[in-house]
Amino acid sequence: MRQTIDYIAAYDIASPCRLRQALKLLLMYAISRQKSVFEVRLDDAEFIKLREAMSALIDPHEDRFMLLRVSAYRDCDALGIAPCHVREHFFIVG
């Protein structure tokens, strides 16, 4: 079984063309999403592949992309209609 880690991926892309490409790329990895913020679950190889693909896609002078590792040290806690996945470790507000 491969070891995966949960991340929050977020972008702010200036160009509509690059924005569509970034959306298409992240949808390949997304577990869930909210506009330009995605929950992704990646193993080490997928992390590198996504980071390299996004690095090649964005303009570093106009765009922004972040992958934030979600801490595995807390149980799932959800408010509102946010799903709380069994045995997963993340916090959702929404």
PDB file of N, CA and C in Angstrom:
ATOM      1  N   MET A   1       0.844  -1.191   0.000  1.00  0.00           N
ATOM      2  CA  MET A   1       0.000   0.000   0.000  1.00  0.00           C
ATOM      3  C   MET A   1       0.885   1.249   0.000  1.00  0.00           C
ATOM      4  N   ARG A   2       0.605   2.169  -0.910  1.00  0.00           N
ATOM      5  CA  ARG A   2       1.425   3.380  -0.998  1.00  0.00           C
ATOM      6  C   ARG A   2       1.059   4.366   0.104  1.00  0.00           C
ATOM      7  N   GLN A   3       2.044   5.063   0.581  1.00  0.00           N
ATOM      8  CA  GLN A   3       1.869   6.068   1.631  1.00  0.00           C
ATOM      9  C   GLN A   3       1.462   7.380   0.986  1.00  0.00           C
ATOM     10  N   THR A   4       0.316   7.936   1.381  1.00  0.00           N
ATOM     11  CA  THR A   4      -0.131   9.215   0.842  1.00  0.00           C
ATOM     12  C   THR A   4      -0.263  10.238   1.961  1.00  0.00           C
ATOM     13  N   ILE A   5      -0.205  11.492   1.575  1.00  0.00           N
ATOM     14  CA  ILE A   5      -0.313  12.616   2.507  1.00  0.00           C
ATOM     15  C   ILE A   5      -1.359  13.572   1.954  1.00  0.00           C
ATOM     16  N   ASP A   6      -2.178  14.131   2.834  1.00  0.00           N
ATOM     17  CA  ASP A   6      -3.186  15.109   2.427  1.00  0.00           C
ATOM     18  C   ASP A   6      -2.565  16.501   2.355  1.00  0.00           C
ATOM     19  N   TYR A   7      -2.922  17.226   1.290  1.00  0.00           N
ATOM     20  CA  TYR A   7      -2.468  18.596   1.084  1.00  0.00           C
ATOM     21  C   TYR A   7      -3.659  19.460   0.708  1.00  0.00           C
ATOM     22  N   ILE A   8      -3.523  20.738   0.964  1.00  0.00           N
ATOM     23  CA  ILE A   8      -4.418  21.744   0.416  1.00  0.00           C
ATOM     24  C   ILE A   8      -3.621  22.427  -0.689  1.00  0.00           C
ATOM     25  N   ALA A   9      -4.150  22.407  -1.893  1.00  0.00           N
ATOM     26  CA  ALA A   9      -3.512  23.051  -3.039  1.00  0.00           C
ATOM     27  C   ALA A   9      -4.342  24.284  -3.388  1.00  0.00           C
ATOM     28  N   ALA A  10      -3.673  25.394  -3.574  1.00  0.00           N
ATOM     29  CA  ALA A  10      -4.374  26.640  -3.895  1.00  0.00           C
ATOM     30  C   ALA A  10      -3.582  27.409  -4.945  1.00  0.00           C
ATOM     31  N   TYR A  11      -4.315  28.073  -5.833  1.00  0.00           N
ATOM     32  CA  TYR A  11      -3.638  28.867  -6.848  1.00  0.00           C
ATOM     33  C   TYR A  11      -4.337  30.196  -7.065  1.00  0.00           C
ATOM     34  N   ASP A  12      -3.572  31.127  -7.605  1.00  0.00           N
ATOM     35  CA  ASP A  12      -4.078  32.415  -8.069  1.00  0.00           C
ATOM     36  C   ASP A  12      -3.374  32.655  -9.395  1.00  0.00           C
ATOM     37  N   ILE A  13      -4.075  32.420 -10.489  1.00  0.00           N
ATOM     38  CA  ILE A  13      -3.487  32.452 -11.822  1.00  0.00           C
ATOM     39  C   ILE A  13      -4.056  33.647 -12.591  1.00  0.00           C
ATOM     40  N   ALA A  14      -3.179  34.467 -13.172  1.00  0.00           N
ATOM     41  CA  ALA A  14      -3.600  35.699 -13.844  1.00  0.00           C
ATOM     42  C   ALA A  14      -4.182  35.458 -15.233  1.00  0.00           C
ATOM     43  N   SER A  15      -3.639  34.517 -15.965  1.00  0.00           N
ATOM     44  CA  SER A  15      -4.050  34.280 -17.349  1.00  0.00           C
ATOM     45  C   SER A  15      -5.192  33.264 -17.423  1.00  0.00           C
ATOM     46  N   PRO A  16      -6.280  33.573 -18.150  1.00  0.00           N
ATOM     47  CA  PRO A  16      -7.370  32.606 -18.288  1.00  0.00           C
ATOM     48  C   PRO A  16      -6.914  31.268 -18.887  1.00  0.00           C
ATOM     49  N   CYS A  17      -5.991  31.310 -19.825  1.00  0.00           N
ATOM     50  CA  CYS A  17      -5.485  30.084 -20.439  1.00  0.00           C
ATOM     51  C   CYS A  17      -4.725  29.228 -19.414  1.00  0.00           C
ATOM     52  N   ARG A  18      -3.811  29.848 -18.674  1.00  0.00           N
ATOM     53  CA  ARG A  18      -3.068  29.110 -17.646  1.00  0.00           C
ATOM     54  C   ARG A  18      -4.001  28.651 -16.529  1.00  0.00           C
ATOM     55  N   LEU A  19      -5.017  29.448 -16.231  1.00  0.00           N
ATOM     56  CA  LEU A  19      -5.996  29.079 -15.211  1.00  0.00           C
ATOM     57  C   LEU A  19      -6.718  27.787 -15.595  1.00  0.00           C
ATOM     58  N   ARG A  20      -7.161  27.692 -16.840  1.00  0.00           N
ATOM     59  CA  ARG A  20      -7.820  26.459 -17.301  1.00  0.00           C
ATOM     60  C   ARG A  20      -6.873  25.262 -17.229  1.00  0.00           C
ATOM     61  N   GLN A  21      -5.610  25.468 -17.589  1.00  0.00           N
ATOM     62  CA  GLN A  21      -4.632  24.386 -17.543  1.00  0.00           C
ATOM     63  C   GLN A  21      -4.368  23.952 -16.101  1.00  0.00           C
ATOM     64  N   ALA A  22      -4.280  24.918 -15.176  1.00  0.00           N
ATOM     65  CA  ALA A  22      -4.065  24.599 -13.766  1.00  0.00           C
ATOM     66  C   ALA A  22      -5.257  23.837 -13.197  1.00  0.00           C
ATOM     67  N   LEU A  23      -6.465  24.262 -13.548  1.00  0.00           N
ATOM     68  CA  LEU A  23      -7.671  23.574 -13.097  1.00  0.00           C
ATOM     69  C   LEU A  23      -7.676  22.132 -13.591  1.00  0.00           C
ATOM     70  N   LYS A  24      -7.400  21.946 -14.863  1.00  0.00           N
ATOM     71  CA  LYS A  24      -7.376  20.589 -15.440  1.00  0.00           C
ATOM     72  C   LYS A  24      -6.332  19.722 -14.738  1.00  0.00           C
ATOM     73  N   LEU A  25      -5.163  20.275 -14.477  1.00  0.00           N
ATOM     74  CA  LEU A  25      -4.102  19.534 -13.793  1.00  0.00           C
ATOM     75  C   LEU A  25      -4.526  19.129 -12.384  1.00  0.00           C
ATOM     76  N   LEU A  26      -5.052  20.062 -11.621  1.00  0.00           N
ATOM     77  CA  LEU A  26      -5.418  19.759 -10.234  1.00  0.00           C
ATOM     78  C   LEU A  26      -6.618  18.829 -10.133  1.00  0.00           C
ATOM     79  N   LEU A  27      -7.512  18.864 -11.091  1.00  0.00           N
ATOM     80  CA  LEU A  27      -8.656  17.950 -11.059  1.00  0.00           C
ATOM     81  C   LEU A  27      -8.219  16.494 -11.182  1.00  0.00           C
ATOM     82  N   MET A  28      -7.036  16.247 -11.732  1.00  0.00           N
ATOM     83  CA  MET A  28      -6.521  14.882 -11.820  1.00  0.00           C
ATOM     84  C   MET A  28      -6.173  14.327 -10.434  1.00  0.00           C
ATOM     85  N   TYR A  29      -5.907  15.198  -9.475  1.00  0.00           N
ATOM     86  CA  TYR A  29      -5.487  14.780  -8.140  1.00  0.00           C
ATOM     87  C   TYR A  29      -6.523  15.075  -7.057  1.00  0.00           C
ATOM     88  N   ALA A  30      -7.510  15.888  -7.366  1.00  0.00           N
ATOM     89  CA  ALA A  30      -8.416  16.430  -6.353  1.00  0.00           C
ATOM     90  C   ALA A  30      -9.324  15.371  -5.740  1.00  0.00           C
ATOM     91  N   ILE A  31      -9.465  15.467  -4.426  1.00  0.00           N
ATOM     92  CA  ILE A  31     -10.462  14.698  -3.689  1.00  0.00           C
ATOM     93  C   ILE A  31     -11.724  15.552  -3.603  1.00  0.00           C
ATOM     94  N   SER A  32     -11.525  16.834  -3.330  1.00  0.00           N
ATOM     95  CA  SER A  32     -12.621  17.803  -3.308  1.00  0.00           C
ATOM     96  C   SER A  32     -12.041  19.161  -3.665  1.00  0.00           C
ATOM     97  N   ARG A  33     -12.937  20.115  -3.950  1.00  0.00           N
ATOM     98  CA  ARG A  33     -12.454  21.447  -4.306  1.00  0.00           C
ATOM     99  C   ARG A  33     -13.493  22.504  -3.996  1.00  0.00           C
ATOM    100  N   GLN A  34     -13.013  23.731  -3.883  1.00  0.00           N
ATOM    101  CA  GLN A  34     -13.842  24.910  -3.659  1.00  0.00           C
ATOM    102  C   GLN A  34     -13.174  26.043  -4.425  1.00  0.00           C
ATOM    103  N   LYS A  35     -13.677  26.344  -5.600  1.00  0.00           N
ATOM    104  CA  LYS A  35     -13.108  27.374  -6.481  1.00  0.00           C
ATOM    105  C   LYS A  35     -11.633  27.088  -6.747  1.00  0.00           C
ATOM    106  N   SER A  36     -10.706  27.874  -6.235  1.00  0.00           N
ATOM    107  CA  SER A  36      -9.287  27.671  -6.532  1.00  0.00           C
ATOM    108  C   SER A  36      -8.541  26.990  -5.388  1.00  0.00           C
ATOM    109  N   VAL A  37      -9.259  26.298  -4.521  1.00  0.00           N
ATOM    110  CA  VAL A  37      -8.652  25.558  -3.407  1.00  0.00           C
ATOM    111  C   VAL A  37      -9.086  24.102  -3.516  1.00  0.00           C
ATOM    112  N   PHE A  38      -8.123  23.202  -3.458  1.00  0.00           N
ATOM    113  CA  PHE A  38      -8.359  21.786  -3.654  1.00  0.00           C
ATOM    114  C   PHE A  38      -7.807  20.983  -2.487  1.00  0.00           C
ATOM    115  N   GLU A  39      -8.471  19.903  -2.165  1.00  0.00           N
ATOM    116  CA  GLU A  39      -7.912  18.913  -1.248  1.00  0.00           C
ATOM    117  C   GLU A  39      -7.349  17.815  -2.134  1.00  0.00           C
ATOM    118  N   VAL A  40      -6.070  17.517  -1.977  1.00  0.00           N
ATOM    119  CA  VAL A  40      -5.429  16.476  -2.777  1.00  0.00           C
ATOM    120  C   VAL A  40      -4.726  15.490  -1.851  1.00  0.00           C
ATOM    121  N   ARG A  41      -4.654  14.258  -2.292  1.00  0.00           N
ATOM    122  CA  ARG A  41      -3.950  13.214  -1.542  1.00  0.00           C
ATOM    123  C   ARG A  41      -2.870  12.675  -2.468  1.00  0.00           C
ATOM    124  N   LEU A  42      -1.611  12.863  -2.091  1.00  0.00           N
ATOM    125  CA  LEU A  42      -0.487  12.561  -2.967  1.00  0.00           C
ATOM    126  C   LEU A  42       0.531  11.655  -2.294  1.00  0.00           C
ATOM    127  N   ASP A  43       1.097  10.733  -3.065  1.00  0.00           N
ATOM    128  CA  ASP A  43       2.270  10.021  -2.583  1.00  0.00           C
ATOM    129  C   ASP A  43       3.488  10.860  -2.994  1.00  0.00           C
ATOM    130  N   ASP A  44       4.690  10.416  -2.656  1.00  0.00           N
ATOM    131  CA  ASP A  44       5.893  11.212  -2.936  1.00  0.00           C
ATOM    132  C   ASP A  44       6.073  11.484  -4.428  1.00  0.00           C
ATOM    133  N   ALA A  45       5.864  10.463  -5.252  1.00  0.00           N
ATOM    134  CA  ALA A  45       6.037  10.628  -6.698  1.00  0.00           C
ATOM    135  C   ALA A  45       4.991  11.592  -7.280  1.00  0.00           C
ATOM    136  N   GLU A  46       3.751  11.498  -6.817  1.00  0.00           N
ATOM    137  CA  GLU A  46       2.698  12.404  -7.293  1.00  0.00           C
ATOM    138  C   GLU A  46       2.971  13.836  -6.868  1.00  0.00           C
ATOM    139  N   PHE A  47       3.488  14.016  -5.649  1.00  0.00           N
ATOM    140  CA  PHE A  47       3.838  15.358  -5.163  1.00  0.00           C
ATOM    141  C   PHE A  47       4.852  15.999  -6.102  1.00  0.00           C
ATOM    142  N   ILE A  48       5.904  15.258  -6.432  1.00  0.00           N
ATOM    143  CA  ILE A  48       6.949  15.785  -7.315  1.00  0.00           C
ATOM    144  C   ILE A  48       6.376  16.066  -8.706  1.00  0.00           C
ATOM    145  N   LYS A  49       5.583  15.136  -9.236  1.00  0.00           N
ATOM    146  CA  LYS A  49       4.999  15.296 -10.568  1.00  0.00           C
ATOM    147  C   LYS A  49       4.089  16.523 -10.631  1.00  0.00           C
ATOM    148  N   LEU A  50       3.224  16.693  -9.632  1.00  0.00           N
ATOM    149  CA  LEU A  50       2.321  17.849  -9.601  1.00  0.00           C
ATOM    150  C   LEU A  50       3.108  19.144  -9.485  1.00  0.00           C
ATOM    151  N   ARG A  51       4.092  19.171  -8.599  1.00  0.00           N
ATOM    152  CA  ARG A  51       4.882  20.385  -8.391  1.00  0.00           C
ATOM    153  C   ARG A  51       5.636  20.773  -9.666  1.00  0.00           C
ATOM    154  N   GLU A  52       6.231  19.795 -10.333  1.00  0.00           N
ATOM    155  CA  GLU A  52       6.964  20.072 -11.567  1.00  0.00           C
ATOM    156  C   GLU A  52       6.027  20.531 -12.684  1.00  0.00           C
ATOM    157  N   ALA A  53       4.862  19.891 -12.799  1.00  0.00           N
ATOM    158  CA  ALA A  53       3.896  20.276 -13.831  1.00  0.00           C
ATOM    159  C   ALA A  53       3.383  21.690 -13.588  1.00  0.00           C
ATOM    160  N   MET A  54       3.080  22.013 -12.343  1.00  0.00           N
ATOM    161  CA  MET A  54       2.578  23.352 -12.034  1.00  0.00           C
ATOM    162  C   MET A  54       3.675  24.394 -12.213  1.00  0.00           C
ATOM    163  N   SER A  55       4.911  24.037 -11.880  1.00  0.00           N
ATOM    164  CA  SER A  55       6.034  24.954 -12.054  1.00  0.00           C
ATOM    165  C   SER A  55       6.231  25.305 -13.533  1.00  0.00           C
ATOM    166  N   ALA A  56       6.040  24.326 -14.390  1.00  0.00           N
ATOM    167  CA  ALA A  56       6.170  24.560 -15.831  1.00  0.00           C
ATOM    168  C   ALA A  56       4.992  25.358 -16.389  1.00  0.00           C
ATOM    169  N   LEU A  57       3.851  25.281 -15.731  1.00  0.00           N
ATOM    170  CA  LEU A  57       2.627  25.918 -16.220  1.00  0.00           C
ATOM    171  C   LEU A  57       2.530  27.394 -15.836  1.00  0.00           C
ATOM    172  N   ILE A  58       2.874  27.743 -14.604  1.00  0.00           N
ATOM    173  CA  ILE A  58       2.631  29.111 -14.130  1.00  0.00           C
ATOM    174  C   ILE A  58       3.704  30.086 -14.600  1.00  0.00           C
ATOM    175  N   ASP A  59       3.336  31.356 -14.576  1.00  0.00           N
ATOM    176  CA  ASP A  59       4.294  32.447 -14.780  1.00  0.00           C
ATOM    177  C   ASP A  59       4.693  32.912 -13.383  1.00  0.00           C
ATOM    178  N   PRO A  60       5.948  32.710 -12.983  1.00  0.00           N
ATOM    179  CA  PRO A  60       6.349  33.043 -11.611  1.00  0.00           C
ATOM    180  C   PRO A  60       6.275  34.530 -11.272  1.00  0.00           C
ATOM    181  N   HIS A  61       6.103  35.373 -12.282  1.00  0.00           N
ATOM    182  CA  HIS A  61       6.003  36.816 -12.038  1.00  0.00           C
ATOM    183  C   HIS A  61       4.557  37.279 -11.898  1.00  0.00           C
ATOM    184  N   GLU A  62       3.590  36.431 -12.306  1.00  0.00           N
ATOM    185  CA  GLU A  62       2.185  36.824 -12.252  1.00  0.00           C
ATOM    186  C   GLU A  62       1.312  35.881 -11.429  1.00  0.00           C
ATOM    187  N   ASP A  63       1.730  34.637 -11.287  1.00  0.00           N
ATOM    188  CA  ASP A  63       0.877  33.612 -10.701  1.00  0.00           C
ATOM    189  C   ASP A  63       1.427  33.130  -9.363  1.00  0.00           C
ATOM    190  N   ARG A  64       0.563  32.391  -8.665  1.00  0.00           N
ATOM    191  CA  ARG A  64       0.938  31.856  -7.354  1.00  0.00           C
ATOM    192  C   ARG A  64       0.324  30.464  -7.214  1.00  0.00           C
ATOM    193  N   PHE A  65       1.098  29.523  -6.652  1.00  0.00           N
ATOM    194  CA  PHE A  65       0.612  28.179  -6.365  1.00  0.00           C
ATOM    195  C   PHE A  65       1.209  27.723  -5.047  1.00  0.00           C
ATOM    196  N   MET A  66       0.377  27.128  -4.198  1.00  0.00           N
ATOM    197  CA  MET A  66       0.852  26.631  -2.906  1.00  0.00           C
ATOM    198  C   MET A  66       0.316  25.237  -2.644  1.00  0.00           C
ATOM    199  N   LEU A  67       1.161  24.392  -2.065  1.00  0.00           N
ATOM    200  CA  LEU A  67       0.761  23.094  -1.549  1.00  0.00           C
ATOM    201  C   LEU A  67       1.024  23.124  -0.054  1.00  0.00           C
ATOM    202  N   LEU A  68      -0.026  23.020   0.729  1.00  0.00           N
ATOM    203  CA  LEU A  68       0.094  23.077   2.182  1.00  0.00           C
ATOM    204  C   LEU A  68      -0.203  21.698   2.754  1.00  0.00           C
ATOM    205  N   ARG A  69       0.767  21.133   3.442  1.00  0.00           N
ATOM    206  CA  ARG A  69       0.580  19.816   4.042  1.00  0.00           C
ATOM    207  C   ARG A  69      -0.399  19.922   5.210  1.00  0.00           C
ATOM    208  N   VAL A  70      -1.374  19.027   5.220  1.00  0.00           N
ATOM    209  CA  VAL A  70      -2.362  19.002   6.295  1.00  0.00           C
ATOM    210  C   VAL A  70      -1.809  18.132   7.407  1.00  0.00           C
ATOM    211  N   SER A  71      -1.814  18.662   8.597  1.00  0.00           N
ATOM    212  CA  SER A  71      -1.286  17.929   9.748  1.00  0.00           C
ATOM    213  C   SER A  71      -2.092  16.669  10.000  1.00  0.00           C
ATOM    214  N   ALA A  72      -1.406  15.577  10.250  1.00  0.00           N
ATOM    215  CA  ALA A  72      -2.071  14.299  10.542  1.00  0.00           C
ATOM    216  C   ALA A  72      -2.248  14.091  12.044  1.00  0.00           C
ATOM    217  N   TYR A  73      -2.050  15.126  12.828  1.00  0.00           N
ATOM    218  CA  TYR A  73      -2.098  14.975  14.273  1.00  0.00           C
ATOM    219  C   TYR A  73      -3.441  15.334  14.893  1.00  0.00           C
ATOM    220  N   ARG A  74      -4.469  15.499  14.086  1.00  0.00           N
ATOM    221  CA  ARG A  74      -5.782  15.790  14.649  1.00  0.00           C
ATOM    222  C   ARG A  74      -6.825  14.946  13.949  1.00  0.00           C
ATOM    223  N   ASP A  75      -7.880  14.636  14.655  1.00  0.00           N
ATOM    224  CA  ASP A  75      -8.993  13.916  14.048  1.00  0.00           C
ATOM    225  C   ASP A  75      -9.777  14.865  13.163  1.00  0.00           C
ATOM    226  N   CYS A  76     -10.544  14.306  12.274  1.00  0.00           N
ATOM    227  CA  CYS A  76     -11.368  15.109  11.380  1.00  0.00           C
ATOM    228  C   CYS A  76     -12.391  15.902  12.187  1.00  0.00           C
ATOM    229  N   ASP A  77     -12.567  17.149  11.821  1.00  0.00           N
ATOM    230  CA  ASP A  77     -13.553  18.016  12.449  1.00  0.00           C
ATOM    231  C   ASP A  77     -14.183  18.830  11.334  1.00  0.00           C
ATOM    232  N   ALA A  78     -15.490  18.750  11.179  1.00  0.00           N
ATOM    233  CA  ALA A  78     -16.155  19.452  10.084  1.00  0.00           C
ATOM    234  C   ALA A  78     -17.329  20.244  10.622  1.00  0.00           C
ATOM    235  N   LEU A  79     -17.562  21.399  10.026  1.00  0.00           N
ATOM    236  CA  LEU A  79     -18.691  22.247  10.372  1.00  0.00           C
ATOM    237  C   LEU A  79     -19.560  22.436   9.141  1.00  0.00           C
ATOM    238  N   GLY A  80     -20.845  22.636   9.303  1.00  0.00           N
ATOM    239  CA  GLY A  80     -21.743  22.854   8.178  1.00  0.00           C
ATOM    240  C   GLY A  80     -21.940  21.580   7.382  1.00  0.00           C
ATOM    241  N   ILE A  81     -21.971  21.710   6.047  1.00  0.00           N
ATOM    242  CA  ILE A  81     -22.228  20.552   5.207  1.00  0.00           C
ATOM    243  C   ILE A  81     -20.936  19.867   4.754  1.00  0.00           C
ATOM    244  N   ALA A  82     -19.803  20.256   5.320  1.00  0.00           N
ATOM    245  CA  ALA A  82     -18.521  19.652   4.947  1.00  0.00           C
ATOM    246  C   ALA A  82     -18.502  18.178   5.320  1.00  0.00           C
ATOM    247  N   PRO A  83     -18.025  17.322   4.397  1.00  0.00           N
ATOM    248  CA  PRO A  83     -17.963  15.893   4.715  1.00  0.00           C
ATOM    249  C   PRO A  83     -16.815  15.595   5.667  1.00  0.00           C
ATOM    250  N   CYS A  84     -17.023  14.669   6.555  1.00  0.00           N
ATOM    251  CA  CYS A  84     -15.957  14.224   7.447  1.00  0.00           C
ATOM    252  C   CYS A  84     -15.664  12.778   7.078  1.00  0.00           C
ATOM    253  N   HIS A  85     -14.577  12.567   6.357  1.00  0.00           N
ATOM    254  CA  HIS A  85     -14.220  11.241   5.887  1.00  0.00           C
ATOM    255  C   HIS A  85     -13.701  10.393   7.055  1.00  0.00           C
ATOM    256  N   VAL A  86     -14.152   9.184   7.122  1.00  0.00           N
ATOM    257  CA  VAL A  86     -13.740   8.272   8.184  1.00  0.00           C
ATOM    258  C   VAL A  86     -12.262   7.953   8.031  1.00  0.00           C
ATOM    259  N   ARG A  87     -11.544   7.952   9.137  1.00  0.00           N
ATOM    260  CA  ARG A  87     -10.129   7.624   9.210  1.00  0.00           C
ATOM    261  C   ARG A  87      -9.226   8.628   8.515  1.00  0.00           C
ATOM    262  N   GLU A  88      -9.718   9.774   8.172  1.00  0.00           N
ATOM    263  CA  GLU A  88      -8.895  10.796   7.541  1.00  0.00           C
ATOM    264  C   GLU A  88      -8.561  11.857   8.585  1.00  0.00           C
ATOM    265  N   HIS A  89      -7.518  12.621   8.317  1.00  0.00           N
ATOM    266  CA  HIS A  89      -7.051  13.621   9.263  1.00  0.00           C
ATOM    267  C   HIS A  89      -6.977  14.988   8.602  1.00  0.00           C
ATOM    268  N   PHE A  90      -8.021  15.769   8.766  1.00  0.00           N
ATOM    269  CA  PHE A  90      -8.007  17.135   8.291  1.00  0.00           C
ATOM    270  C   PHE A  90      -9.154  17.894   8.945  1.00  0.00           C
ATOM    271  N   PHE A  91      -9.122  19.197   8.826  1.00  0.00           N
ATOM    272  CA  PHE A  91     -10.127  20.071   9.408  1.00  0.00           C
ATOM    273  C   PHE A  91     -10.775  20.862   8.292  1.00  0.00           C
ATOM    274  N   ILE A  92     -12.081  20.830   8.203  1.00  0.00           N
ATOM    275  CA  ILE A  92     -12.796  21.549   7.143  1.00  0.00           C
ATOM    276  C   ILE A  92     -13.769  22.527   7.792  1.00  0.00           C
ATOM    277  N   VAL A  93     -13.767  23.762   7.324  1.00  0.00           N
ATOM    278  CA  VAL A  93     -14.769  24.740   7.743  1.00  0.00           C
ATOM    279  C   VAL A  93     -15.516  25.140   6.490  1.00  0.00           C
ATOM    280  N   GLY A  94     -16.833  25.046   6.534  1.00  0.00           N
ATOM    281  CA  GLY A  94     -17.569  25.435   5.338  1.00  0.00           C
ATOM    282  C   GLY A  94     -18.997  25.011   5.362  1.00  0.00           C
TER     283      GLY A  94
END
